[in-house]
Amino acid sequence: MIWQLIISPGAERDFNTHPKPEKQRIKDDLYARADKIQPRRDLKKLKGNRDLPIYSLSVGQYRVILSLNNDVMVIFVIEMGKRSSIYRKY
């Protein structure tokens, strides 16, 4: 794994509320992304936060809100949820 994957406690709670097949699909996608040299390729950059860029990863009908820190190569997962409600905070 090239990038370290850190999941916040809130994202972990969100993750545990999803059905098992969806959880596995999201987990597989995150670990595959952590193995890539350029994980930003399929991410959508969210507007509004210039200090710390926040990205959205699409996994089926779910969205994973995350941040990438190049200094130490960390993917920090902030939140996970269905696309209908995930963007309300951002």
N, C-alpha and C. Protein backbone atom coordinates (compact mmCIF):
# COMPACT_ATOMS: atom_id res chain seq x y z
N MET A 1 0.85 -1.17 0.00
CA MET A 1 0.00 0.00 0.00
C MET A 1 0.90 1.24 0.00
N ILE A 2 0.74 2.09 -1.00
CA ILE A 2 1.55 3.30 -1.13
C ILE A 2 1.04 4.38 -0.19
N TRP A 3 -0.25 4.58 -0.15
CA TRP A 3 -0.86 5.60 0.71
C TRP A 3 -1.39 4.95 1.97
N GLN A 4 -1.29 5.65 3.09
CA GLN A 4 -1.88 5.17 4.33
C GLN A 4 -3.36 5.55 4.32
N LEU A 5 -4.22 4.66 4.73
CA LEU A 5 -5.66 4.89 4.74
C LEU A 5 -6.12 5.06 6.18
N ILE A 6 -6.65 6.24 6.51
CA ILE A 6 -7.17 6.53 7.85
C ILE A 6 -8.66 6.84 7.72
N ILE A 7 -9.46 6.17 8.50
CA ILE A 7 -10.91 6.39 8.50
C ILE A 7 -11.28 7.03 9.83
N SER A 8 -11.93 8.19 9.76
CA SER A 8 -12.32 8.90 10.98
C SER A 8 -13.38 8.09 11.73
N PRO A 9 -13.52 8.31 13.05
CA PRO A 9 -14.55 7.58 13.80
C PRO A 9 -15.97 7.82 13.26
N GLY A 10 -16.26 9.04 12.82
CA GLY A 10 -17.57 9.32 12.25
C GLY A 10 -17.80 8.56 10.95
N ALA A 11 -16.77 8.49 10.12
CA ALA A 11 -16.89 7.73 8.87
C ALA A 11 -17.03 6.24 9.15
N GLU A 12 -16.37 5.77 10.20
CA GLU A 12 -16.49 4.36 10.59
C GLU A 12 -17.93 4.05 11.01
N ARG A 13 -18.56 4.96 11.75
CA ARG A 13 -19.97 4.77 12.13
C ARG A 13 -20.86 4.77 10.89
N ASP A 14 -20.60 5.72 9.96
CA ASP A 14 -21.37 5.75 8.71
C ASP A 14 -21.20 4.46 7.93
N PHE A 15 -19.96 3.97 7.89
CA PHE A 15 -19.62 2.75 7.16
C PHE A 15 -20.39 1.55 7.71
N ASN A 16 -20.53 1.47 9.02
CA ASN A 16 -21.20 0.32 9.64
C ASN A 16 -22.70 0.32 9.46
N THR A 17 -23.30 1.41 9.00
CA THR A 17 -24.74 1.45 8.78
C THR A 17 -25.15 0.93 7.40
N HIS A 18 -24.20 0.71 6.52
CA HIS A 18 -24.50 0.27 5.15
C HIS A 18 -24.63 -1.25 5.07
N PRO A 19 -25.35 -1.75 4.07
CA PRO A 19 -25.46 -3.20 3.87
C PRO A 19 -24.09 -3.82 3.60
N LYS A 20 -23.93 -5.07 3.96
CA LYS A 20 -22.63 -5.75 3.86
C LYS A 20 -22.03 -5.73 2.45
N PRO A 21 -22.80 -6.02 1.38
CA PRO A 21 -22.18 -5.98 0.05
C PRO A 21 -21.65 -4.58 -0.31
N GLU A 22 -22.38 -3.56 0.10
CA GLU A 22 -21.93 -2.18 -0.18
C GLU A 22 -20.69 -1.84 0.62
N LYS A 23 -20.63 -2.29 1.87
CA LYS A 23 -19.45 -2.04 2.70
C LYS A 23 -18.21 -2.65 2.06
N GLN A 24 -18.34 -3.88 1.56
CA GLN A 24 -17.21 -4.56 0.93
C GLN A 24 -16.78 -3.83 -0.34
N ARG A 25 -17.73 -3.37 -1.11
CA ARG A 25 -17.43 -2.65 -2.35
C ARG A 25 -16.69 -1.34 -2.06
N ILE A 26 -17.14 -0.60 -1.04
CA ILE A 26 -16.50 0.65 -0.66
C ILE A 26 -15.09 0.37 -0.14
N LYS A 27 -14.96 -0.64 0.71
CA LYS A 27 -13.65 -0.99 1.28
C LYS A 27 -12.67 -1.39 0.17
N ASP A 28 -13.12 -2.22 -0.77
CA ASP A 28 -12.25 -2.64 -1.88
C ASP A 28 -11.78 -1.44 -2.70
N ASP A 29 -12.70 -0.51 -2.96
CA ASP A 29 -12.35 0.67 -3.75
C ASP A 29 -11.34 1.55 -3.02
N LEU A 30 -11.51 1.74 -1.71
CA LEU A 30 -10.57 2.55 -0.93
C LEU A 30 -9.18 1.92 -0.89
N TYR A 31 -9.11 0.60 -0.68
CA TYR A 31 -7.81 -0.06 -0.65
C TYR A 31 -7.14 -0.07 -2.02
N ALA A 32 -7.92 -0.20 -3.08
CA ALA A 32 -7.35 -0.13 -4.43
C ALA A 32 -6.79 1.26 -4.70
N ARG A 33 -7.49 2.28 -4.23
CA ARG A 33 -7.04 3.66 -4.40
C ARG A 33 -5.76 3.92 -3.61
N ALA A 34 -5.63 3.31 -2.43
CA ALA A 34 -4.43 3.48 -1.60
C ALA A 34 -3.20 2.84 -2.25
N ASP A 35 -3.42 1.90 -3.16
CA ASP A 35 -2.30 1.27 -3.87
C ASP A 35 -1.84 2.04 -5.10
N LYS A 36 -2.60 3.05 -5.52
CA LYS A 36 -2.25 3.82 -6.71
C LYS A 36 -1.29 4.95 -6.36
N ILE A 37 -0.43 5.28 -7.30
CA ILE A 37 0.49 6.40 -7.12
C ILE A 37 -0.27 7.71 -7.20
N GLN A 38 -1.21 7.82 -8.11
CA GLN A 38 -2.03 9.02 -8.30
C GLN A 38 -3.49 8.71 -7.97
N PRO A 39 -3.89 8.76 -6.70
CA PRO A 39 -5.27 8.39 -6.36
C PRO A 39 -6.31 9.45 -6.73
N ARG A 40 -5.89 10.64 -7.16
CA ARG A 40 -6.84 11.71 -7.50
C ARG A 40 -7.53 11.51 -8.84
N ARG A 41 -7.08 10.57 -9.61
CA ARG A 41 -7.54 10.43 -10.99
C ARG A 41 -9.06 10.40 -11.13
N ASP A 42 -9.77 9.67 -10.31
CA ASP A 42 -11.23 9.54 -10.45
C ASP A 42 -11.99 10.29 -9.36
N LEU A 43 -11.32 11.19 -8.67
CA LEU A 43 -11.97 11.93 -7.59
C LEU A 43 -12.51 13.26 -8.09
N LYS A 44 -13.58 13.71 -7.48
CA LYS A 44 -14.18 15.01 -7.79
C LYS A 44 -13.79 15.97 -6.66
N LYS A 45 -13.14 17.06 -7.01
CA LYS A 45 -12.75 18.05 -6.00
C LYS A 45 -13.98 18.88 -5.64
N LEU A 46 -14.24 19.00 -4.34
CA LEU A 46 -15.39 19.78 -3.88
C LEU A 46 -14.98 21.24 -3.71
N LYS A 47 -15.88 22.12 -4.05
CA LYS A 47 -15.62 23.55 -3.97
C LYS A 47 -15.83 24.06 -2.56
N GLY A 48 -15.20 25.20 -2.24
CA GLY A 48 -15.50 25.88 -0.99
C GLY A 48 -14.44 25.78 0.08
N ASN A 49 -13.51 24.86 -0.01
CA ASN A 49 -12.48 24.73 1.01
C ASN A 49 -11.11 24.80 0.35
N ARG A 50 -10.46 25.95 0.43
CA ARG A 50 -9.18 26.13 -0.26
C ARG A 50 -7.99 25.71 0.58
N ASP A 51 -8.12 25.77 1.91
CA ASP A 51 -7.00 25.41 2.78
C ASP A 51 -6.68 23.92 2.71
N LEU A 52 -7.70 23.12 2.79
CA LEU A 52 -7.54 21.67 2.75
C LEU A 52 -8.47 21.12 1.67
N PRO A 53 -7.93 20.74 0.52
CA PRO A 53 -8.81 20.23 -0.54
C PRO A 53 -9.55 18.97 -0.11
N ILE A 54 -10.85 18.97 -0.35
CA ILE A 54 -11.70 17.83 -0.02
C ILE A 54 -12.23 17.25 -1.32
N TYR A 55 -12.23 15.92 -1.42
CA TYR A 55 -12.64 15.22 -2.63
C TYR A 55 -13.80 14.29 -2.35
N SER A 56 -14.50 13.94 -3.42
CA SER A 56 -15.61 13.00 -3.34
C SER A 56 -15.29 11.81 -4.25
N LEU A 57 -15.46 10.61 -3.71
CA LEU A 57 -15.26 9.38 -4.46
C LEU A 57 -16.62 8.72 -4.65
N SER A 58 -16.95 8.40 -5.86
CA SER A 58 -18.23 7.77 -6.18
C SER A 58 -18.06 6.25 -6.21
N VAL A 59 -18.87 5.56 -5.38
CA VAL A 59 -18.89 4.10 -5.36
C VAL A 59 -20.35 3.69 -5.45
N GLY A 60 -20.83 3.47 -6.67
CA GLY A 60 -22.24 3.16 -6.87
C GLY A 60 -23.10 4.34 -6.47
N GLN A 61 -24.09 4.12 -5.61
CA GLN A 61 -24.96 5.20 -5.16
C GLN A 61 -24.41 5.87 -3.90
N TYR A 62 -23.25 5.44 -3.44
CA TYR A 62 -22.63 6.00 -2.24
C TYR A 62 -21.50 6.95 -2.61
N ARG A 63 -21.23 7.88 -1.69
CA ARG A 63 -20.13 8.82 -1.85
C ARG A 63 -19.25 8.76 -0.61
N VAL A 64 -17.95 8.83 -0.84
CA VAL A 64 -16.98 8.87 0.24
C VAL A 64 -16.30 10.23 0.17
N ILE A 65 -16.39 11.01 1.24
CA ILE A 65 -15.75 12.32 1.31
C ILE A 65 -14.38 12.10 1.94
N LEU A 66 -13.32 12.55 1.27
CA LEU A 66 -11.98 12.30 1.76
C LEU A 66 -11.05 13.45 1.47
N SER A 67 -9.90 13.42 2.11
CA SER A 67 -8.86 14.42 1.91
C SER A 67 -7.55 13.68 1.67
N LEU A 68 -6.68 14.24 0.84
CA LEU A 68 -5.38 13.65 0.56
C LEU A 68 -4.30 14.58 1.09
N ASN A 69 -3.36 14.03 1.82
CA ASN A 69 -2.26 14.80 2.35
C ASN A 69 -0.98 14.30 1.69
N ASN A 70 -0.39 15.08 0.79
CA ASN A 70 0.78 14.65 0.04
C ASN A 70 2.05 14.58 0.88
N ASP A 71 2.13 15.34 1.96
CA ASP A 71 3.34 15.37 2.75
C ASP A 71 3.68 13.99 3.33
N VAL A 72 2.67 13.29 3.80
CA VAL A 72 2.91 11.98 4.39
C VAL A 72 2.14 10.87 3.67
N MET A 73 1.55 11.19 2.52
CA MET A 73 0.82 10.23 1.70
C MET A 73 -0.28 9.52 2.50
N VAL A 74 -1.25 10.30 2.95
CA VAL A 74 -2.37 9.80 3.74
C VAL A 74 -3.67 10.08 3.01
N ILE A 75 -4.54 9.08 2.93
CA ILE A 75 -5.92 9.27 2.48
C ILE A 75 -6.76 9.27 3.75
N PHE A 76 -7.37 10.39 4.06
CA PHE A 76 -8.16 10.53 5.29
C PHE A 76 -9.64 10.56 4.91
N VAL A 77 -10.36 9.51 5.27
CA VAL A 77 -11.78 9.41 4.96
C VAL A 77 -12.56 10.17 6.03
N ILE A 78 -13.36 11.15 5.60
CA ILE A 78 -14.10 12.02 6.50
C ILE A 78 -15.51 11.50 6.74
N GLU A 79 -16.19 11.12 5.67
CA GLU A 79 -17.59 10.73 5.79
C GLU A 79 -17.97 9.82 4.64
N MET A 80 -18.97 8.95 4.87
CA MET A 80 -19.51 8.07 3.83
C MET A 80 -21.03 8.12 3.92
N GLY A 81 -21.69 8.05 2.77
CA GLY A 81 -23.15 8.03 2.79
C GLY A 81 -23.72 8.00 1.39
N LYS A 82 -25.05 7.96 1.33
CA LYS A 82 -25.72 7.97 0.04
C LYS A 82 -25.59 9.34 -0.60
N ARG A 83 -25.59 9.36 -1.91
CA ARG A 83 -25.36 10.63 -2.61
C ARG A 83 -26.46 11.65 -2.39
N SER A 84 -27.64 11.21 -1.99
CA SER A 84 -28.75 12.14 -1.79
C SER A 84 -28.56 13.02 -0.56
N SER A 85 -27.75 12.58 0.39
CA SER A 85 -27.62 13.35 1.63
C SER A 85 -26.19 13.72 2.02
N ILE A 86 -25.21 13.18 1.36
CA ILE A 86 -23.82 13.35 1.80
C ILE A 86 -23.29 14.77 1.59
N TYR A 87 -23.74 15.48 0.56
CA TYR A 87 -23.17 16.77 0.23
C TYR A 87 -23.77 17.93 1.02
N ARG A 88 -24.73 17.69 1.85
CA ARG A 88 -25.40 18.78 2.56
C ARG A 88 -24.49 19.54 3.50
N LYS A 89 -23.45 18.91 4.02
CA LYS A 89 -22.53 19.55 4.94
C LYS A 89 -21.39 20.27 4.22
N TYR A 90 -21.19 19.98 2.94
CA TYR A 90 -20.01 20.50 2.24
C TYR A 90 -20.43 21.44 1.17
